[in-house]
């Protein structure tokens, strides 16, 4: 139950953040907005690290197996950029529908192939059907009469 709540909260926060970031972009630029998002996230994470206890330290990053995993922050900068651009051109609802659908499809491919250390999952037609229903929902949502 906790995981469901956290996932729903995450989705809601992502949508709100996208709208906020798009608003900042309209008054500055996309890279200033994206940079501020990353900088403020760093400050919050460092503060949370100090407050919640420090069972590990920053040098532990150098011990990570699979150094490519450290590219998450780089990817995060481009996520911020692409969310801002998609929300600006499509509007929040359409952008989020496409973003979530892409997340779902790519996440399933990652599970199927066991990429990046994810546990490999068996192929299931019901998941493909669910993805197809999601895509049909996007078409229905976008359909203008």
C-alpha atoms as a PDB file:
ATOM      1  CA  UNK A   1       0.000   0.000   0.000  1.00  0.00           C
ATOM      2  CA  UNK A   2       2.836   2.375   0.871  1.00  0.00           C
ATOM      3  CA  UNK A   3       4.462   1.798  -2.541  1.00  0.00           C
ATOM      4  CA  UNK A   4       1.198   2.653  -4.327  1.00  0.00           C
ATOM      5  CA  UNK A   5       0.839   5.881  -2.350  1.00  0.00           C
ATOM      6  CA  UNK A   6       4.440   6.902  -3.038  1.00  0.00           C
ATOM      7  CA  UNK A   7       4.062   6.134  -6.778  1.00  0.00           C
ATOM      8  CA  UNK A   8       0.882   8.232  -6.982  1.00  0.00           C
ATOM      9  CA  UNK A   9       2.558  11.058  -5.087  1.00  0.00           C
ATOM     10  CA  UNK A  10       5.553  10.850  -7.419  1.00  0.00           C
ATOM     11  CA  UNK A  11       3.339  11.145 -10.485  1.00  0.00           C
ATOM     12  CA  UNK A  12       1.469  14.096  -9.018  1.00  0.00           C
ATOM     13  CA  UNK A  13       4.704  15.869  -8.071  1.00  0.00           C
ATOM     14  CA  UNK A  14       6.162  15.280 -11.542  1.00  0.00           C
ATOM     15  CA  UNK A  15       3.129  16.898 -13.157  1.00  0.00           C
ATOM     16  CA  UNK A  16       3.215  19.891 -10.817  1.00  0.00           C
ATOM     17  CA  UNK A  17       6.978  20.255 -11.265  1.00  0.00           C
ATOM     18  CA  UNK A  18       6.601  20.200 -15.042  1.00  0.00           C
ATOM     19  CA  UNK A  19       4.082  23.025 -14.944  1.00  0.00           C
ATOM     20  CA  UNK A  20       6.247  25.043 -12.529  1.00  0.00           C
ATOM     21  CA  UNK A  21       9.373  24.509 -14.646  1.00  0.00           C
ATOM     22  CA  UNK A  22       7.531  25.547 -17.793  1.00  0.00           C
ATOM     23  CA  UNK A  23       6.436  28.749 -16.032  1.00  0.00           C
ATOM     24  CA  UNK A  24      10.030  29.517 -14.998  1.00  0.00           C
ATOM     25  CA  UNK A  25      11.185  28.827 -18.560  1.00  0.00           C
ATOM     26  CA  UNK A  26       8.725  31.368 -19.961  1.00  0.00           C
ATOM     27  CA  UNK A  27      10.323  34.026 -17.760  1.00  0.00           C
ATOM     28  CA  UNK A  28      13.972  32.945 -18.152  1.00  0.00           C
ATOM     29  CA  UNK A  29      15.196  30.170 -20.466  1.00  0.00           C
ATOM     30  CA  UNK A  30      14.942  26.410 -20.558  1.00  0.00           C
ATOM     31  CA  UNK A  31      18.534  25.844 -19.440  1.00  0.00           C
ATOM     32  CA  UNK A  32      18.294  28.322 -16.575  1.00  0.00           C
ATOM     33  CA  UNK A  33      15.100  26.598 -15.416  1.00  0.00           C
ATOM     34  CA  UNK A  34      16.612  23.122 -15.795  1.00  0.00           C
ATOM     35  CA  UNK A  35      19.819  24.216 -14.062  1.00  0.00           C
ATOM     36  CA  UNK A  36      17.921  25.717 -11.149  1.00  0.00           C
ATOM     37  CA  UNK A  37      15.893  22.509 -10.800  1.00  0.00           C
ATOM     38  CA  UNK A  38      19.068  20.426 -10.620  1.00  0.00           C
ATOM     39  CA  UNK A  39      20.838  22.853  -8.268  1.00  0.00           C
ATOM     40  CA  UNK A  40      17.882  23.117  -5.890  1.00  0.00           C
ATOM     41  CA  UNK A  41      17.497  19.311  -5.960  1.00  0.00           C
ATOM     42  CA  UNK A  42      21.171  18.975  -5.001  1.00  0.00           C
ATOM     43  CA  UNK A  43      20.705  21.378  -2.084  1.00  0.00           C
ATOM     44  CA  UNK A  44      17.637  19.479  -0.827  1.00  0.00           C
ATOM     45  CA  UNK A  45      19.439  16.133  -1.125  1.00  0.00           C
ATOM     46  CA  UNK A  46      22.511  17.387   0.750  1.00  0.00           C
ATOM     47  CA  UNK A  47      20.309  18.847   3.500  1.00  0.00           C
ATOM     48  CA  UNK A  48      18.320  15.600   3.740  1.00  0.00           C
ATOM     49  CA  UNK A  49      21.581  13.636   3.941  1.00  0.00           C
ATOM     50  CA  UNK A  50      22.702  15.773   6.900  1.00  0.00           C
ATOM     51  CA  UNK A  51      19.321  15.531   8.651  1.00  0.00           C
ATOM     52  CA  UNK A  52      18.540  11.838   8.179  1.00  0.00           C
ATOM     53  CA  UNK A  53      21.893  10.369   9.065  1.00  0.00           C
ATOM     54  CA  UNK A  54      24.954   9.603   7.100  1.00  0.00           C
ATOM     55  CA  UNK A  55      25.340   5.838   6.981  1.00  0.00           C
ATOM     56  CA  UNK A  56      27.294   6.323   3.764  1.00  0.00           C
ATOM     57  CA  UNK A  57      29.301   9.190   2.336  1.00  0.00           C
ATOM     58  CA  UNK A  58      29.975  10.721  -1.057  1.00  0.00           C
ATOM     59  CA  UNK A  59      33.142   8.685  -1.583  1.00  0.00           C
ATOM     60  CA  UNK A  60      30.914   5.593  -1.791  1.00  0.00           C
ATOM     61  CA  UNK A  61      29.992   6.810  -5.277  1.00  0.00           C
ATOM     62  CA  UNK A  62      33.469   5.812  -6.453  1.00  0.00           C
ATOM     63  CA  UNK A  63      32.823   2.214  -5.329  1.00  0.00           C
ATOM     64  CA  UNK A  64      29.704   1.731  -7.453  1.00  0.00           C
ATOM     65  CA  UNK A  65      29.733  -1.243  -9.803  1.00  0.00           C
ATOM     66  CA  UNK A  66      28.510  -0.214 -13.226  1.00  0.00           C
ATOM     67  CA  UNK A  67      29.787   3.363 -13.397  1.00  0.00           C
ATOM     68  CA  UNK A  68      27.242   4.093 -16.150  1.00  0.00           C
ATOM     69  CA  UNK A  69      24.615   4.232 -13.391  1.00  0.00           C
ATOM     70  CA  UNK A  70      26.144   7.521 -12.269  1.00  0.00           C
ATOM     71  CA  UNK A  71      24.733   9.116 -15.427  1.00  0.00           C
ATOM     72  CA  UNK A  72      21.344   9.439 -13.705  1.00  0.00           C
ATOM     73  CA  UNK A  73      21.995  13.104 -12.962  1.00  0.00           C
ATOM     74  CA  UNK A  74      22.958  13.810 -16.555  1.00  0.00           C
ATOM     75  CA  UNK A  75      19.813  12.048 -17.705  1.00  0.00           C
ATOM     76  CA  UNK A  76      17.868  14.061 -15.109  1.00  0.00           C
ATOM     77  CA  UNK A  77      18.964  17.320 -16.720  1.00  0.00           C
ATOM     78  CA  UNK A  78      17.643  16.145 -20.075  1.00  0.00           C
ATOM     79  CA  UNK A  79      14.454  14.834 -18.462  1.00  0.00           C
ATOM     80  CA  UNK A  80      13.845  18.306 -17.043  1.00  0.00           C
ATOM     81  CA  UNK A  81      14.524  19.867 -20.452  1.00  0.00           C
ATOM     82  CA  UNK A  82      12.264  17.468 -22.356  1.00  0.00           C
ATOM     83  CA  UNK A  83       9.410  17.730 -19.840  1.00  0.00           C
ATOM     84  CA  UNK A  84       9.508  21.527 -20.066  1.00  0.00           C
ATOM     85  CA  UNK A  85       9.558  21.452 -23.862  1.00  0.00           C
ATOM     86  CA  UNK A  86       6.761  18.883 -24.144  1.00  0.00           C
ATOM     87  CA  UNK A  87       4.509  20.661 -21.647  1.00  0.00           C
ATOM     88  CA  UNK A  88       5.079  23.965 -23.403  1.00  0.00           C
ATOM     89  CA  UNK A  89       4.159  22.566 -26.814  1.00  0.00           C
ATOM     90  CA  UNK A  90       1.470  19.998 -25.884  1.00  0.00           C
ATOM     91  CA  UNK A  91       0.063  21.233 -22.580  1.00  0.00           C
ATOM     92  CA  UNK A  92       0.356  19.387 -19.260  1.00  0.00           C
ATOM     93  CA  UNK A  93      -2.234  16.644 -19.797  1.00  0.00           C
ATOM     94  CA  UNK A  94      -1.122  15.530 -23.251  1.00  0.00           C
ATOM     95  CA  UNK A  95       2.547  15.761 -22.361  1.00  0.00           C
ATOM     96  CA  UNK A  96       2.144  13.682 -19.215  1.00  0.00           C
ATOM     97  CA  UNK A  97       0.100  11.030 -21.058  1.00  0.00           C
ATOM     98  CA  UNK A  98       2.863  10.578 -23.605  1.00  0.00           C
ATOM     99  CA  UNK A  99       5.627  10.743 -20.997  1.00  0.00           C
ATOM    100  CA  UNK A 100       3.986   8.089 -18.812  1.00  0.00           C
ATOM    101  CA  UNK A 101       3.262   5.859 -21.812  1.00  0.00           C
ATOM    102  CA  UNK A 102       6.902   6.079 -22.896  1.00  0.00           C
ATOM    103  CA  UNK A 103       7.997   5.304 -19.330  1.00  0.00           C
ATOM    104  CA  UNK A 104       5.737   2.265 -19.228  1.00  0.00           C
ATOM    105  CA  UNK A 105       6.914   0.911 -22.585  1.00  0.00           C
ATOM    106  CA  UNK A 106      10.614   1.429 -21.879  1.00  0.00           C
ATOM    107  CA  UNK A 107      10.318   0.055 -18.332  1.00  0.00           C
ATOM    108  CA  UNK A 108       8.696  -3.108 -19.694  1.00  0.00           C
ATOM    109  CA  UNK A 109      11.442  -3.520 -22.309  1.00  0.00           C
ATOM    110  CA  UNK A 110      14.060  -3.072 -19.558  1.00  0.00           C
ATOM    111  CA  UNK A 111      12.333  -5.778 -17.486  1.00  0.00           C
ATOM    112  CA  UNK A 112      11.981  -8.136 -20.450  1.00  0.00           C
ATOM    113  CA  UNK A 113      15.642  -7.858 -21.355  1.00  0.00           C
ATOM    114  CA  UNK A 114      16.972  -7.567 -17.804  1.00  0.00           C
ATOM    115  CA  UNK A 115      18.892  -4.409 -18.670  1.00  0.00           C
ATOM    116  CA  UNK A 116      20.785  -2.283 -16.143  1.00  0.00           C
ATOM    117  CA  UNK A 117      20.592  -4.903 -13.389  1.00  0.00           C
ATOM    118  CA  UNK A 118      16.795  -5.147 -13.424  1.00  0.00           C
ATOM    119  CA  UNK A 119      15.338  -8.547 -12.694  1.00  0.00           C
ATOM    120  CA  UNK A 120      14.401 -10.212 -15.980  1.00  0.00           C
ATOM    121  CA  UNK A 121      10.652 -10.694 -16.442  1.00  0.00           C
ATOM    122  CA  UNK A 122       8.772 -13.118 -18.659  1.00  0.00           C
ATOM    123  CA  UNK A 123       6.844 -11.813 -21.653  1.00  0.00           C
ATOM    124  CA  UNK A 124       3.132 -11.388 -20.947  1.00  0.00           C
ATOM    125  CA  UNK A 125       0.551 -10.544 -23.580  1.00  0.00           C
ATOM    126  CA  UNK A 126      -1.682  -8.894 -20.992  1.00  0.00           C
ATOM    127  CA  UNK A 127       0.989  -6.237 -20.436  1.00  0.00           C
ATOM    128  CA  UNK A 128       1.187  -5.532 -24.171  1.00  0.00           C
ATOM    129  CA  UNK A 129      -2.619  -5.325 -24.284  1.00  0.00           C
ATOM    130  CA  UNK A 130      -2.530  -2.921 -21.333  1.00  0.00           C
ATOM    131  CA  UNK A 131      -0.011  -0.751 -23.163  1.00  0.00           C
ATOM    132  CA  UNK A 132      -2.210  -0.827 -26.278  1.00  0.00           C
ATOM    133  CA  UNK A 133      -5.211   0.254 -24.181  1.00  0.00           C
ATOM    134  CA  UNK A 134      -3.114   3.102 -22.804  1.00  0.00           C
ATOM    135  CA  UNK A 135      -2.241   4.214 -26.338  1.00  0.00           C
ATOM    136  CA  UNK A 136      -5.922   3.950 -27.314  1.00  0.00           C
ATOM    137  CA  UNK A 137      -6.714   6.165 -24.326  1.00  0.00           C
ATOM    138  CA  UNK A 138      -4.274   8.782 -25.592  1.00  0.00           C
ATOM    139  CA  UNK A 139      -5.939   8.743 -28.996  1.00  0.00           C
ATOM    140  CA  UNK A 140      -9.353   9.073 -27.365  1.00  0.00           C
ATOM    141  CA  UNK A 141      -8.158  11.889 -25.086  1.00  0.00           C
ATOM    142  CA  UNK A 142      -6.616  13.775 -28.013  1.00  0.00           C
ATOM    143  CA  UNK A 143      -9.575  13.171 -30.349  1.00  0.00           C
ATOM    144  CA  UNK A 144     -11.233  16.437 -31.229  1.00  0.00           C
ATOM    145  CA  UNK A 145     -14.807  16.420 -32.525  1.00  0.00           C
END
